[in-house]
């Protein structure tokens, strides 16, 4: 039974420390690079809008129609981007829910194994168990508080 407990403990530690868990943080450098990329994208999109407007105005339409066409084009692009962002967010949420369910199941299994391992010694020696729990609480309180 001890080998089963060790296996469950190793599985839990591997699961929590892996990169697949959604609550592990990202580095500040990565977030900064995403912010820079977003800023550059918005700037280039602004230049693209102006260029499209000038091109349509010079080649095809009067200024009012060129502005309407450029606005419609940007509206369509923004709708596509919003839809893609929504789909990506839904995918990440479903993946996070799945990983959370797996982690919850693992923790329940670990708790069941721990209860199975520890219930008999506690029933056999209740006073010793209370003493050990009290000492552990005292030590934890002394260290962390």
C-alpha atoms as a PDB file:
ATOM      1  CA  UNK A   1       0.000   0.000   0.000  1.00  0.00           C
ATOM      2  CA  UNK A   2       2.933   2.361   0.633  1.00  0.00           C
ATOM      3  CA  UNK A   3       4.080   1.991  -2.961  1.00  0.00           C
ATOM      4  CA  UNK A   4       0.605   3.011  -4.112  1.00  0.00           C
ATOM      5  CA  UNK A   5       0.753   6.101  -1.912  1.00  0.00           C
ATOM      6  CA  UNK A   6       4.200   7.002  -3.270  1.00  0.00           C
ATOM      7  CA  UNK A   7       2.959   6.562  -6.835  1.00  0.00           C
ATOM      8  CA  UNK A   8      -0.049   8.783  -6.185  1.00  0.00           C
ATOM      9  CA  UNK A   9       2.183  11.411  -4.582  1.00  0.00           C
ATOM     10  CA  UNK A  10       4.596  11.408  -7.528  1.00  0.00           C
ATOM     11  CA  UNK A  11       1.718  11.623  -9.983  1.00  0.00           C
ATOM     12  CA  UNK A  12       0.254  14.603  -8.130  1.00  0.00           C
ATOM     13  CA  UNK A  13       3.589  16.424  -7.970  1.00  0.00           C
ATOM     14  CA  UNK A  14       4.262  15.808 -11.670  1.00  0.00           C
ATOM     15  CA  UNK A  15       0.797  17.049 -12.565  1.00  0.00           C
ATOM     16  CA  UNK A  16       1.036  20.250 -10.535  1.00  0.00           C
ATOM     17  CA  UNK A  17       4.553  21.135 -11.642  1.00  0.00           C
ATOM     18  CA  UNK A  18       4.042  20.437 -15.342  1.00  0.00           C
ATOM     19  CA  UNK A  19       3.403  23.215 -17.845  1.00  0.00           C
ATOM     20  CA  UNK A  20      -0.007  21.823 -18.770  1.00  0.00           C
ATOM     21  CA  UNK A  21      -1.643  23.098 -15.598  1.00  0.00           C
ATOM     22  CA  UNK A  22      -3.507  26.345 -16.334  1.00  0.00           C
ATOM     23  CA  UNK A  23      -2.525  28.098 -13.102  1.00  0.00           C
ATOM     24  CA  UNK A  24       1.202  28.167 -13.790  1.00  0.00           C
ATOM     25  CA  UNK A  25       2.302  31.716 -14.566  1.00  0.00           C
ATOM     26  CA  UNK A  26       3.900  33.090 -17.679  1.00  0.00           C
ATOM     27  CA  UNK A  27       7.089  35.096 -17.636  1.00  0.00           C
ATOM     28  CA  UNK A  28       7.081  38.868 -17.715  1.00  0.00           C
ATOM     29  CA  UNK A  29       9.223  38.824 -20.848  1.00  0.00           C
ATOM     30  CA  UNK A  30       6.567  36.847 -22.717  1.00  0.00           C
ATOM     31  CA  UNK A  31       3.803  39.197 -21.632  1.00  0.00           C
ATOM     32  CA  UNK A  32       5.932  42.196 -22.622  1.00  0.00           C
ATOM     33  CA  UNK A  33       6.576  40.726 -26.050  1.00  0.00           C
ATOM     34  CA  UNK A  34       2.852  40.081 -26.523  1.00  0.00           C
ATOM     35  CA  UNK A  35       2.117  43.693 -25.572  1.00  0.00           C
ATOM     36  CA  UNK A  36       4.751  44.983 -27.995  1.00  0.00           C
ATOM     37  CA  UNK A  37       3.419  42.770 -30.780  1.00  0.00           C
ATOM     38  CA  UNK A  38      -0.122  44.003 -30.119  1.00  0.00           C
ATOM     39  CA  UNK A  39       0.977  47.634 -30.182  1.00  0.00           C
ATOM     40  CA  UNK A  40       2.860  47.167 -33.437  1.00  0.00           C
ATOM     41  CA  UNK A  41      -0.121  45.345 -34.941  1.00  0.00           C
ATOM     42  CA  UNK A  42      -2.518  48.161 -34.058  1.00  0.00           C
ATOM     43  CA  UNK A  43      -0.093  50.742 -35.469  1.00  0.00           C
ATOM     44  CA  UNK A  44       0.340  48.837 -38.717  1.00  0.00           C
ATOM     45  CA  UNK A  45      -3.415  48.382 -38.962  1.00  0.00           C
ATOM     46  CA  UNK A  46      -3.830  52.150 -38.683  1.00  0.00           C
ATOM     47  CA  UNK A  47      -1.396  52.701 -41.533  1.00  0.00           C
ATOM     48  CA  UNK A  48      -3.195  50.044 -43.562  1.00  0.00           C
ATOM     49  CA  UNK A  49      -6.521  51.809 -43.039  1.00  0.00           C
ATOM     50  CA  UNK A  50      -5.115  55.143 -44.200  1.00  0.00           C
ATOM     51  CA  UNK A  51      -3.453  53.524 -47.213  1.00  0.00           C
ATOM     52  CA  UNK A  52      -6.648  51.706 -48.200  1.00  0.00           C
ATOM     53  CA  UNK A  53      -8.655  54.916 -47.881  1.00  0.00           C
ATOM     54  CA  UNK A  54      -6.189  56.906 -50.010  1.00  0.00           C
ATOM     55  CA  UNK A  55      -5.999  54.167 -52.635  1.00  0.00           C
ATOM     56  CA  UNK A  56      -9.782  53.870 -52.923  1.00  0.00           C
ATOM     57  CA  UNK A  57     -10.194  57.642 -52.991  1.00  0.00           C
ATOM     58  CA  UNK A  58      -7.639  58.091 -55.776  1.00  0.00           C
ATOM     59  CA  UNK A  59      -8.667  55.134 -57.914  1.00  0.00           C
ATOM     60  CA  UNK A  60     -12.337  54.320 -57.484  1.00  0.00           C
ATOM     61  CA  UNK A  61     -14.606  56.334 -55.240  1.00  0.00           C
ATOM     62  CA  UNK A  62     -15.284  59.826 -53.986  1.00  0.00           C
ATOM     63  CA  UNK A  63     -14.030  60.486 -50.420  1.00  0.00           C
ATOM     64  CA  UNK A  64     -17.329  59.607 -48.702  1.00  0.00           C
ATOM     65  CA  UNK A  65     -17.598  56.215 -50.359  1.00  0.00           C
ATOM     66  CA  UNK A  66     -13.910  55.499 -49.827  1.00  0.00           C
ATOM     67  CA  UNK A  67     -14.285  56.230 -46.106  1.00  0.00           C
ATOM     68  CA  UNK A  68     -17.364  54.005 -45.906  1.00  0.00           C
ATOM     69  CA  UNK A  69     -15.595  51.176 -47.729  1.00  0.00           C
ATOM     70  CA  UNK A  70     -12.502  51.432 -45.514  1.00  0.00           C
ATOM     71  CA  UNK A  71     -14.712  51.484 -42.415  1.00  0.00           C
ATOM     72  CA  UNK A  72     -16.647  48.448 -43.620  1.00  0.00           C
ATOM     73  CA  UNK A  73     -13.438  46.583 -44.338  1.00  0.00           C
ATOM     74  CA  UNK A  74     -12.101  47.310 -40.866  1.00  0.00           C
ATOM     75  CA  UNK A  75     -15.432  46.351 -39.296  1.00  0.00           C
ATOM     76  CA  UNK A  76     -15.320  43.000 -41.092  1.00  0.00           C
ATOM     77  CA  UNK A  77     -11.733  42.416 -39.978  1.00  0.00           C
ATOM     78  CA  UNK A  78     -12.579  43.301 -36.383  1.00  0.00           C
ATOM     79  CA  UNK A  79     -15.527  40.888 -36.421  1.00  0.00           C
ATOM     80  CA  UNK A  80     -13.257  38.127 -37.691  1.00  0.00           C
ATOM     81  CA  UNK A  81     -10.687  38.879 -34.992  1.00  0.00           C
ATOM     82  CA  UNK A  82     -13.342  38.958 -32.275  1.00  0.00           C
ATOM     83  CA  UNK A  83     -14.740  35.632 -33.451  1.00  0.00           C
ATOM     84  CA  UNK A  84     -11.303  34.048 -33.484  1.00  0.00           C
ATOM     85  CA  UNK A  85     -10.546  35.403 -30.007  1.00  0.00           C
ATOM     86  CA  UNK A  86     -13.862  34.035 -28.724  1.00  0.00           C
ATOM     87  CA  UNK A  87     -13.152  30.582 -30.145  1.00  0.00           C
ATOM     88  CA  UNK A  88      -9.654  30.544 -28.669  1.00  0.00           C
ATOM     89  CA  UNK A  89     -11.015  31.607 -25.279  1.00  0.00           C
ATOM     90  CA  UNK A  90     -13.655  28.880 -25.351  1.00  0.00           C
ATOM     91  CA  UNK A  91     -11.020  26.292 -26.219  1.00  0.00           C
ATOM     92  CA  UNK A  92      -8.787  27.415 -23.358  1.00  0.00           C
ATOM     93  CA  UNK A  93     -11.706  27.383 -20.918  1.00  0.00           C
ATOM     94  CA  UNK A  94     -12.722  23.865 -21.910  1.00  0.00           C
ATOM     95  CA  UNK A  95      -9.132  22.698 -21.584  1.00  0.00           C
ATOM     96  CA  UNK A  96      -8.834  24.337 -18.157  1.00  0.00           C
ATOM     97  CA  UNK A  97     -12.086  22.695 -17.024  1.00  0.00           C
ATOM     98  CA  UNK A  98     -10.818  19.322 -18.209  1.00  0.00           C
ATOM     99  CA  UNK A  99      -7.497  19.730 -16.404  1.00  0.00           C
ATOM    100  CA  UNK A 100      -9.276  20.911 -13.265  1.00  0.00           C
ATOM    101  CA  UNK A 101     -11.529  17.853 -13.348  1.00  0.00           C
ATOM    102  CA  UNK A 102      -8.505  15.581 -13.758  1.00  0.00           C
ATOM    103  CA  UNK A 103      -6.712  17.286 -10.875  1.00  0.00           C
ATOM    104  CA  UNK A 104      -9.812  17.029  -8.690  1.00  0.00           C
ATOM    105  CA  UNK A 105     -10.101  13.336  -9.479  1.00  0.00           C
ATOM    106  CA  UNK A 106      -6.420  12.848  -8.657  1.00  0.00           C
ATOM    107  CA  UNK A 107      -6.820  14.671  -5.346  1.00  0.00           C
ATOM    108  CA  UNK A 108      -9.878  12.583  -4.465  1.00  0.00           C
ATOM    109  CA  UNK A 109      -7.941   9.422  -5.233  1.00  0.00           C
ATOM    110  CA  UNK A 110      -5.031  10.647  -3.134  1.00  0.00           C
ATOM    111  CA  UNK A 111      -7.355  11.504  -0.249  1.00  0.00           C
ATOM    112  CA  UNK A 112      -8.967   8.065  -0.444  1.00  0.00           C
ATOM    113  CA  UNK A 113      -5.561   6.388  -0.422  1.00  0.00           C
ATOM    114  CA  UNK A 114      -4.399   8.511   2.512  1.00  0.00           C
ATOM    115  CA  UNK A 115      -7.576   7.734   4.429  1.00  0.00           C
ATOM    116  CA  UNK A 116      -7.141   4.050   3.727  1.00  0.00           C
ATOM    117  CA  UNK A 117      -3.505   4.153   4.850  1.00  0.00           C
ATOM    118  CA  UNK A 118      -4.024   6.247   7.974  1.00  0.00           C
ATOM    119  CA  UNK A 119      -7.404   5.139   9.289  1.00  0.00           C
ATOM    120  CA  UNK A 120      -6.241   1.904  10.930  1.00  0.00           C
ATOM    121  CA  UNK A 121      -3.293   3.395  12.908  1.00  0.00           C
ATOM    122  CA  UNK A 122      -5.540   6.231  14.079  1.00  0.00           C
ATOM    123  CA  UNK A 123      -8.183   3.773  15.266  1.00  0.00           C
ATOM    124  CA  UNK A 124      -5.563   1.668  17.035  1.00  0.00           C
ATOM    125  CA  UNK A 125      -3.823   4.599  18.799  1.00  0.00           C
ATOM    126  CA  UNK A 126      -6.208   7.565  19.105  1.00  0.00           C
ATOM    127  CA  UNK A 127      -4.281   9.370  21.862  1.00  0.00           C
ATOM    128  CA  UNK A 128      -1.008   9.191  19.971  1.00  0.00           C
ATOM    129  CA  UNK A 129      -2.740  10.426  16.825  1.00  0.00           C
ATOM    130  CA  UNK A 130      -4.187  13.448  18.632  1.00  0.00           C
ATOM    131  CA  UNK A 131      -0.789  14.194  20.171  1.00  0.00           C
ATOM    132  CA  UNK A 132       0.959  14.030  16.786  1.00  0.00           C
ATOM    133  CA  UNK A 133      -1.710  16.221  15.165  1.00  0.00           C
ATOM    134  CA  UNK A 134      -1.398  18.774  17.970  1.00  0.00           C
ATOM    135  CA  UNK A 135       2.384  18.869  17.684  1.00  0.00           C
ATOM    136  CA  UNK A 136       2.184  19.229  13.910  1.00  0.00           C
ATOM    137  CA  UNK A 137      -0.262  22.115  14.296  1.00  0.00           C
ATOM    138  CA  UNK A 138       1.951  23.779  16.897  1.00  0.00           C
ATOM    139  CA  UNK A 139       5.047  23.448  14.713  1.00  0.00           C
ATOM    140  CA  UNK A 140       3.219  24.711  11.623  1.00  0.00           C
ATOM    141  CA  UNK A 141       1.786  27.650  13.546  1.00  0.00           C
ATOM    142  CA  UNK A 142       5.160  28.467  15.041  1.00  0.00           C
ATOM    143  CA  UNK A 143       6.891  28.352  11.652  1.00  0.00           C
ATOM    144  CA  UNK A 144       4.330  30.118   9.486  1.00  0.00           C
ATOM    145  CA  UNK A 145       2.636  32.596  11.809  1.00  0.00           C
END
